[in-house]
Amino acid sequence: MDSRKLIYTTAVLLLLYGTAFADTGDRIEERLDNRGDRIETRLDNKGDRIDQRLDNKGDRIDQRLDNKGDRIDARLDRKSERAADAGRDRLSERLDRKGDRIDGKLDRKGDRIDRKLDRKGARVDRKLDRKGNRINRRR
């Protein structure tokens, strides 16, 4: 009977220890999951802040280019009006075309800057995603 009692006691103890180790493993896994979630949240927030800064920078650049285009356009319009008043129609038309060319050039420059900032934002997003994936693999 002693050997049966020993076997039953050993089986019960192994069952209890196994449960305890499983609980410990679950707690460790949950702690690592929580840590990974916190890191991912920080990376997402960092990416959002960078995107916002890039958007603001793009808006400021667009506004500056618009202001510059408006100033140049107003100056050329004044010259064109003076030329038209003086009876110099060809000069007036040439100045109008020049204003249109400058507006187009500034619009293209603004578009290039927007694309450049978009690419920069995409690079930052990819970099943060890769960092998040590395952290996920470590878990």
N, C-alpha and C. Protein backbone atom coordinates (compact mmCIF):
# COMPACT_ATOMS: atom_id res chain seq x y z
N MET A 1 0.81 -1.19 0.00
CA MET A 1 0.00 0.00 0.00
C MET A 1 0.86 1.26 0.00
N ASP A 2 2.01 1.15 0.61
CA ASP A 2 2.87 2.32 0.66
C ASP A 2 3.33 2.75 -0.73
N SER A 3 3.56 1.80 -1.60
CA SER A 3 4.00 2.17 -2.95
C SER A 3 2.87 2.85 -3.72
N ARG A 4 1.62 2.38 -3.52
CA ARG A 4 0.49 3.06 -4.19
C ARG A 4 0.32 4.47 -3.65
N LYS A 5 0.44 4.60 -2.35
CA LYS A 5 0.31 5.91 -1.74
C LYS A 5 1.40 6.84 -2.27
N LEU A 6 2.59 6.33 -2.41
CA LEU A 6 3.71 7.11 -2.93
C LEU A 6 3.45 7.52 -4.38
N ILE A 7 2.93 6.59 -5.17
CA ILE A 7 2.63 6.90 -6.58
C ILE A 7 1.53 7.95 -6.67
N TYR A 8 0.47 7.80 -5.88
CA TYR A 8 -0.63 8.78 -5.91
C TYR A 8 -0.14 10.15 -5.43
N THR A 9 0.64 10.15 -4.39
CA THR A 9 1.17 11.42 -3.88
C THR A 9 2.07 12.08 -4.92
N THR A 10 2.90 11.29 -5.55
CA THR A 10 3.78 11.82 -6.58
C THR A 10 2.97 12.37 -7.75
N ALA A 11 1.94 11.64 -8.15
CA ALA A 11 1.09 12.10 -9.27
C ALA A 11 0.40 13.40 -8.93
N VAL A 12 -0.13 13.50 -7.70
CA VAL A 12 -0.81 14.73 -7.27
C VAL A 12 0.18 15.89 -7.24
N LEU A 13 1.35 15.66 -6.70
CA LEU A 13 2.35 16.72 -6.64
C LEU A 13 2.79 17.17 -8.04
N LEU A 14 2.98 16.21 -8.93
CA LEU A 14 3.34 16.57 -10.31
C LEU A 14 2.24 17.38 -10.97
N LEU A 15 1.00 17.01 -10.71
CA LEU A 15 -0.13 17.75 -11.28
C LEU A 15 -0.15 19.18 -10.73
N LEU A 16 0.04 19.32 -9.42
CA LEU A 16 0.04 20.66 -8.81
C LEU A 16 1.21 21.51 -9.32
N TYR A 17 2.40 20.92 -9.37
CA TYR A 17 3.56 21.66 -9.86
C TYR A 17 3.39 22.02 -11.33
N GLY A 18 2.85 21.12 -12.11
CA GLY A 18 2.61 21.41 -13.52
C GLY A 18 1.66 22.57 -13.70
N THR A 19 0.62 22.61 -12.89
CA THR A 19 -0.34 23.72 -12.94
C THR A 19 0.34 25.02 -12.53
N ALA A 20 1.16 24.96 -11.50
CA ALA A 20 1.87 26.16 -11.05
C ALA A 20 2.81 26.67 -12.13
N PHE A 21 3.54 25.76 -12.77
CA PHE A 21 4.44 26.18 -13.84
C PHE A 21 3.67 26.74 -15.02
N ALA A 22 2.52 26.16 -15.32
CA ALA A 22 1.71 26.65 -16.44
C ALA A 22 1.20 28.06 -16.13
N ASP A 23 0.78 28.29 -14.87
CA ASP A 23 0.34 29.63 -14.48
C ASP A 23 1.48 30.63 -14.59
N THR A 24 2.65 30.22 -14.16
CA THR A 24 3.82 31.10 -14.27
C THR A 24 4.11 31.42 -15.73
N GLY A 25 4.05 30.42 -16.58
CA GLY A 25 4.28 30.65 -18.01
C GLY A 25 3.23 31.58 -18.61
N ASP A 26 1.97 31.41 -18.19
CA ASP A 26 0.91 32.30 -18.69
C ASP A 26 1.16 33.73 -18.25
N ARG A 27 1.56 33.90 -16.98
CA ARG A 27 1.83 35.26 -16.49
C ARG A 27 2.99 35.89 -17.25
N ILE A 28 4.03 35.13 -17.48
CA ILE A 28 5.18 35.65 -18.23
C ILE A 28 4.76 36.02 -19.65
N GLU A 29 3.98 35.15 -20.28
CA GLU A 29 3.53 35.44 -21.65
C GLU A 29 2.65 36.68 -21.69
N GLU A 30 1.77 36.83 -20.71
CA GLU A 30 0.90 38.01 -20.67
C GLU A 30 1.72 39.28 -20.44
N ARG A 31 2.73 39.18 -19.55
CA ARG A 31 3.58 40.34 -19.31
C ARG A 31 4.31 40.76 -20.58
N LEU A 32 4.82 39.79 -21.33
CA LEU A 32 5.52 40.10 -22.58
C LEU A 32 4.55 40.67 -23.62
N ASP A 33 3.33 40.14 -23.67
CA ASP A 33 2.33 40.68 -24.60
C ASP A 33 2.01 42.13 -24.26
N ASN A 34 1.83 42.40 -22.96
CA ASN A 34 1.54 43.78 -22.54
C ASN A 34 2.69 44.71 -22.89
N ARG A 35 3.91 44.22 -22.68
CA ARG A 35 5.08 45.04 -23.01
C ARG A 35 5.12 45.33 -24.51
N GLY A 36 4.87 44.31 -25.32
CA GLY A 36 4.84 44.51 -26.77
C GLY A 36 3.75 45.48 -27.18
N ASP A 37 2.58 45.39 -26.55
CA ASP A 37 1.49 46.31 -26.88
C ASP A 37 1.87 47.75 -26.52
N ARG A 38 2.53 47.92 -25.36
CA ARG A 38 2.95 49.27 -24.98
C ARG A 38 3.96 49.83 -25.97
N ILE A 39 4.89 49.00 -26.39
CA ILE A 39 5.91 49.45 -27.35
C ILE A 39 5.25 49.79 -28.68
N GLU A 40 4.32 48.95 -29.14
CA GLU A 40 3.63 49.23 -30.41
C GLU A 40 2.85 50.53 -30.32
N THR A 41 2.20 50.77 -29.18
CA THR A 41 1.45 52.01 -29.00
C THR A 41 2.39 53.21 -29.06
N ARG A 42 3.55 53.10 -28.40
CA ARG A 42 4.52 54.20 -28.45
C ARG A 42 4.99 54.44 -29.87
N LEU A 43 5.26 53.36 -30.62
CA LEU A 43 5.71 53.52 -32.00
C LEU A 43 4.62 54.13 -32.87
N ASP A 44 3.38 53.71 -32.67
CA ASP A 44 2.27 54.30 -33.44
C ASP A 44 2.14 55.78 -33.14
N ASN A 45 2.23 56.14 -31.85
CA ASN A 45 2.13 57.55 -31.48
C ASN A 45 3.28 58.36 -32.08
N LYS A 46 4.47 57.78 -32.06
CA LYS A 46 5.63 58.47 -32.64
C LYS A 46 5.42 58.67 -34.14
N GLY A 47 4.92 57.64 -34.82
CA GLY A 47 4.64 57.76 -36.26
C GLY A 47 3.59 58.82 -36.54
N ASP A 48 2.55 58.87 -35.71
CA ASP A 48 1.51 59.88 -35.89
C ASP A 48 2.07 61.29 -35.71
N ARG A 49 2.93 61.45 -34.70
CA ARG A 49 3.52 62.78 -34.48
C ARG A 49 4.40 63.19 -35.66
N ILE A 50 5.18 62.26 -36.17
CA ILE A 50 6.05 62.57 -37.31
C ILE A 50 5.21 62.90 -38.54
N ASP A 51 4.15 62.11 -38.78
CA ASP A 51 3.26 62.39 -39.91
C ASP A 51 2.64 63.78 -39.78
N GLN A 52 2.22 64.13 -38.57
CA GLN A 52 1.61 65.44 -38.34
C GLN A 52 2.62 66.55 -38.61
N ARG A 53 3.87 66.36 -38.14
CA ARG A 53 4.89 67.38 -38.39
C ARG A 53 5.15 67.53 -39.88
N LEU A 54 5.21 66.41 -40.61
CA LEU A 54 5.44 66.48 -42.05
C LEU A 54 4.26 67.15 -42.76
N ASP A 55 3.04 66.85 -42.32
CA ASP A 55 1.87 67.50 -42.91
C ASP A 55 1.91 69.01 -42.67
N ASN A 56 2.25 69.39 -41.44
CA ASN A 56 2.34 70.82 -41.12
C ASN A 56 3.42 71.50 -41.95
N LYS A 57 4.55 70.81 -42.10
CA LYS A 57 5.64 71.38 -42.91
C LYS A 57 5.19 71.55 -44.35
N GLY A 58 4.50 70.56 -44.90
CA GLY A 58 3.98 70.66 -46.26
C GLY A 58 2.99 71.79 -46.41
N ASP A 59 2.12 71.96 -45.41
CA ASP A 59 1.15 73.05 -45.46
C ASP A 59 1.85 74.41 -45.43
N ARG A 60 2.87 74.53 -44.57
CA ARG A 60 3.60 75.81 -44.51
C ARG A 60 4.30 76.11 -45.83
N ILE A 61 4.90 75.09 -46.43
CA ILE A 61 5.59 75.28 -47.71
C ILE A 61 4.59 75.67 -48.79
N ASP A 62 3.44 74.97 -48.83
CA ASP A 62 2.40 75.31 -49.81
C ASP A 62 1.93 76.75 -49.63
N GLN A 63 1.74 77.15 -48.38
CA GLN A 63 1.29 78.52 -48.11
C GLN A 63 2.33 79.54 -48.57
N ARG A 64 3.61 79.26 -48.28
CA ARG A 64 4.66 80.19 -48.72
C ARG A 64 4.71 80.28 -50.24
N LEU A 65 4.59 79.13 -50.92
CA LEU A 65 4.61 79.15 -52.38
C LEU A 65 3.39 79.88 -52.94
N ASP A 66 2.23 79.68 -52.31
CA ASP A 66 1.04 80.39 -52.75
C ASP A 66 1.21 81.90 -52.59
N ASN A 67 1.75 82.30 -51.44
CA ASN A 67 1.97 83.73 -51.20
C ASN A 67 2.96 84.30 -52.22
N LYS A 68 4.02 83.55 -52.46
CA LYS A 68 5.02 84.01 -53.43
C LYS A 68 4.40 84.13 -54.82
N GLY A 69 3.61 83.11 -55.20
CA GLY A 69 2.93 83.16 -56.50
C GLY A 69 1.97 84.32 -56.60
N ASP A 70 1.24 84.59 -55.52
CA ASP A 70 0.30 85.72 -55.52
C ASP A 70 1.03 87.05 -55.66
N ARG A 71 2.16 87.19 -54.96
CA ARG A 71 2.92 88.44 -55.08
C ARG A 71 3.46 88.64 -56.49
N ILE A 72 4.02 87.56 -57.06
CA ILE A 72 4.57 87.66 -58.42
C ILE A 72 3.45 87.94 -59.41
N ASP A 73 2.32 87.24 -59.24
CA ASP A 73 1.18 87.42 -60.15
C ASP A 73 0.64 88.85 -60.06
N ALA A 74 0.55 89.38 -58.85
CA ALA A 74 0.06 90.75 -58.69
C ALA A 74 1.01 91.74 -59.34
N ARG A 75 2.31 91.51 -59.17
CA ARG A 75 3.30 92.41 -59.77
C ARG A 75 3.21 92.37 -61.30
N LEU A 76 3.09 91.16 -61.86
CA LEU A 76 2.98 91.04 -63.32
C LEU A 76 1.66 91.60 -63.83
N ASP A 77 0.59 91.45 -63.05
CA ASP A 77 -0.69 92.04 -63.45
C ASP A 77 -0.59 93.56 -63.51
N ARG A 78 0.08 94.14 -62.51
CA ARG A 78 0.24 95.60 -62.53
C ARG A 78 1.04 96.04 -63.75
N LYS A 79 2.13 95.32 -64.03
CA LYS A 79 2.93 95.65 -65.22
C LYS A 79 2.10 95.49 -66.48
N SER A 80 1.31 94.41 -66.53
CA SER A 80 0.49 94.15 -67.71
C SER A 80 -0.55 95.25 -67.90
N GLU A 81 -1.17 95.69 -66.81
CA GLU A 81 -2.17 96.76 -66.90
C GLU A 81 -1.52 98.06 -67.37
N ARG A 82 -0.34 98.35 -66.85
CA ARG A 82 0.35 99.57 -67.29
C ARG A 82 0.69 99.48 -68.77
N ALA A 83 1.13 98.28 -69.20
CA ALA A 83 1.46 98.10 -70.62
C ALA A 83 0.21 98.22 -71.48
N ALA A 84 -0.91 97.67 -71.00
CA ALA A 84 -2.16 97.76 -71.77
C ALA A 84 -2.64 99.21 -71.84
N ASP A 85 -2.51 99.94 -70.74
CA ASP A 85 -2.91 101.35 -70.73
C ASP A 85 -2.04 102.17 -71.67
N ALA A 86 -0.80 101.76 -71.81
CA ALA A 86 0.11 102.50 -72.70
C ALA A 86 -0.06 102.05 -74.15
N GLY A 87 -0.95 101.10 -74.39
CA GLY A 87 -1.19 100.67 -75.76
C GLY A 87 -0.22 99.60 -76.22
N ARG A 88 0.46 98.97 -75.33
CA ARG A 88 1.42 97.93 -75.70
C ARG A 88 0.79 96.56 -75.43
N ASP A 89 -0.07 96.15 -76.34
CA ASP A 89 -0.84 94.91 -76.15
C ASP A 89 0.04 93.67 -76.14
N ARG A 90 1.05 93.65 -77.02
CA ARG A 90 1.90 92.45 -77.07
C ARG A 90 2.66 92.26 -75.76
N LEU A 91 3.17 93.35 -75.20
CA LEU A 91 3.86 93.27 -73.92
C LEU A 91 2.91 92.81 -72.82
N SER A 92 1.69 93.31 -72.86
CA SER A 92 0.69 92.92 -71.87
C SER A 92 0.40 91.42 -71.95
N GLU A 93 0.24 90.91 -73.17
CA GLU A 93 -0.03 89.47 -73.34
C GLU A 93 1.17 88.63 -72.90
N ARG A 94 2.37 89.12 -73.23
CA ARG A 94 3.57 88.40 -72.85
C ARG A 94 3.71 88.33 -71.32
N LEU A 95 3.40 89.42 -70.65
CA LEU A 95 3.46 89.43 -69.19
C LEU A 95 2.41 88.49 -68.59
N ASP A 96 1.23 88.45 -69.21
CA ASP A 96 0.19 87.52 -68.73
C ASP A 96 0.65 86.07 -68.87
N ARG A 97 1.26 85.75 -70.03
CA ARG A 97 1.76 84.39 -70.23
C ARG A 97 2.88 84.06 -69.24
N LYS A 98 3.73 85.05 -68.99
CA LYS A 98 4.81 84.85 -68.03
C LYS A 98 4.24 84.55 -66.64
N GLY A 99 3.20 85.28 -66.27
CA GLY A 99 2.54 85.02 -64.98
C GLY A 99 1.98 83.61 -64.92
N ASP A 100 1.37 83.17 -66.02
CA ASP A 100 0.83 81.80 -66.06
C ASP A 100 1.94 80.77 -65.93
N ARG A 101 3.08 81.02 -66.62
CA ARG A 101 4.20 80.09 -66.53
C ARG A 101 4.74 80.01 -65.10
N ILE A 102 4.87 81.16 -64.47
CA ILE A 102 5.39 81.19 -63.10
C ILE A 102 4.42 80.48 -62.15
N ASP A 103 3.11 80.71 -62.33
CA ASP A 103 2.13 80.00 -61.50
C ASP A 103 2.26 78.49 -61.68
N GLY A 104 2.39 78.06 -62.93
CA GLY A 104 2.55 76.63 -63.20
C GLY A 104 3.81 76.07 -62.57
N LYS A 105 4.90 76.86 -62.68
CA LYS A 105 6.18 76.42 -62.11
C LYS A 105 6.08 76.28 -60.58
N LEU A 106 5.44 77.26 -59.94
CA LEU A 106 5.30 77.19 -58.49
C LEU A 106 4.37 76.04 -58.08
N ASP A 107 3.33 75.79 -58.87
CA ASP A 107 2.45 74.66 -58.58
C ASP A 107 3.20 73.34 -58.68
N ARG A 108 4.03 73.21 -59.73
CA ARG A 108 4.81 71.98 -59.88
C ARG A 108 5.81 71.82 -58.73
N LYS A 109 6.41 72.94 -58.32
CA LYS A 109 7.35 72.89 -57.20
C LYS A 109 6.63 72.45 -55.93
N GLY A 110 5.45 72.98 -55.70
CA GLY A 110 4.66 72.56 -54.54
C GLY A 110 4.30 71.09 -54.60
N ASP A 111 3.94 70.61 -55.79
CA ASP A 111 3.61 69.19 -55.95
C ASP A 111 4.83 68.31 -55.69
N ARG A 112 6.01 68.75 -56.17
CA ARG A 112 7.23 67.98 -55.92
C ARG A 112 7.53 67.91 -54.42
N ILE A 113 7.37 69.03 -53.75
CA ILE A 113 7.64 69.05 -52.31
C ILE A 113 6.65 68.15 -51.58
N ASP A 114 5.37 68.20 -51.99
CA ASP A 114 4.37 67.33 -51.36
C ASP A 114 4.73 65.85 -51.56
N ARG A 115 5.13 65.49 -52.78
CA ARG A 115 5.50 64.10 -53.03
C ARG A 115 6.72 63.70 -52.20
N LYS A 116 7.69 64.63 -52.10
CA LYS A 116 8.90 64.36 -51.32
C LYS A 116 8.54 64.12 -49.85
N LEU A 117 7.66 64.97 -49.31
CA LEU A 117 7.27 64.80 -47.91
C LEU A 117 6.46 63.52 -47.72
N ASP A 118 5.63 63.17 -48.71
CA ASP A 118 4.87 61.92 -48.63
C ASP A 118 5.81 60.71 -48.62
N ARG A 119 6.84 60.77 -49.47
CA ARG A 119 7.80 59.66 -49.50
C ARG A 119 8.55 59.57 -48.17
N LYS A 120 8.90 60.74 -47.62
CA LYS A 120 9.60 60.75 -46.34
C LYS A 120 8.71 60.15 -45.25
N GLY A 121 7.43 60.52 -45.25
CA GLY A 121 6.50 59.96 -44.28
C GLY A 121 6.35 58.46 -44.44
N ALA A 122 6.32 57.99 -45.69
CA ALA A 122 6.20 56.55 -45.95
C ALA A 122 7.45 55.82 -45.45
N ARG A 123 8.63 56.43 -45.64
CA ARG A 123 9.87 55.81 -45.15
C ARG A 123 9.84 55.69 -43.63
N VAL A 124 9.39 56.76 -42.98
CA VAL A 124 9.32 56.73 -41.52
C VAL A 124 8.33 55.66 -41.06
N ASP A 125 7.17 55.57 -41.73
CA ASP A 125 6.19 54.54 -41.37
C ASP A 125 6.76 53.14 -41.54
N ARG A 126 7.46 52.91 -42.65
CA ARG A 126 8.06 51.59 -42.87
C ARG A 126 9.10 51.27 -41.81
N LYS A 127 9.90 52.29 -41.45
CA LYS A 127 10.94 52.09 -40.44
C LYS A 127 10.31 51.73 -39.10
N LEU A 128 9.25 52.44 -38.72
CA LEU A 128 8.60 52.14 -37.45
C LEU A 128 7.89 50.79 -37.50
N ASP A 129 7.33 50.43 -38.66
CA ASP A 129 6.71 49.11 -38.80
C ASP A 129 7.74 48.00 -38.65
N ARG A 130 8.91 48.18 -39.27
CA ARG A 130 9.96 47.17 -39.14
C ARG A 130 10.39 47.04 -37.68
N LYS A 131 10.50 48.18 -37.00
CA LYS A 131 10.89 48.15 -35.59
C LYS A 131 9.83 47.41 -34.77
N GLY A 132 8.56 47.68 -35.07
CA GLY A 132 7.48 46.98 -34.38
C GLY A 132 7.49 45.49 -34.66
N ASN A 133 7.79 45.11 -35.90
CA ASN A 133 7.85 43.69 -36.25
C ASN A 133 9.00 42.99 -35.53
N ARG A 134 10.13 43.69 -35.39
CA ARG A 134 11.26 43.10 -34.66
C ARG A 134 10.87 42.84 -33.21
N ILE A 135 10.14 43.79 -32.64
CA ILE A 135 9.71 43.63 -31.25
C ILE A 135 8.72 42.48 -31.13
N ASN A 136 7.82 42.36 -32.11
CA ASN A 136 6.84 41.27 -32.08
C ASN A 136 7.51 39.92 -32.19
N ARG A 137 8.57 39.83 -32.99
CA ARG A 137 9.26 38.55 -33.14
C ARG A 137 9.98 38.15 -31.86
N ARG A 138 10.40 39.14 -31.08
CA ARG A 138 11.11 38.85 -29.83
C ARG A 138 10.18 38.25 -28.79
N ARG A 139 8.90 38.55 -28.89
CA ARG A 139 7.97 38.06 -27.87
C ARG A 139 7.86 36.62 -27.90
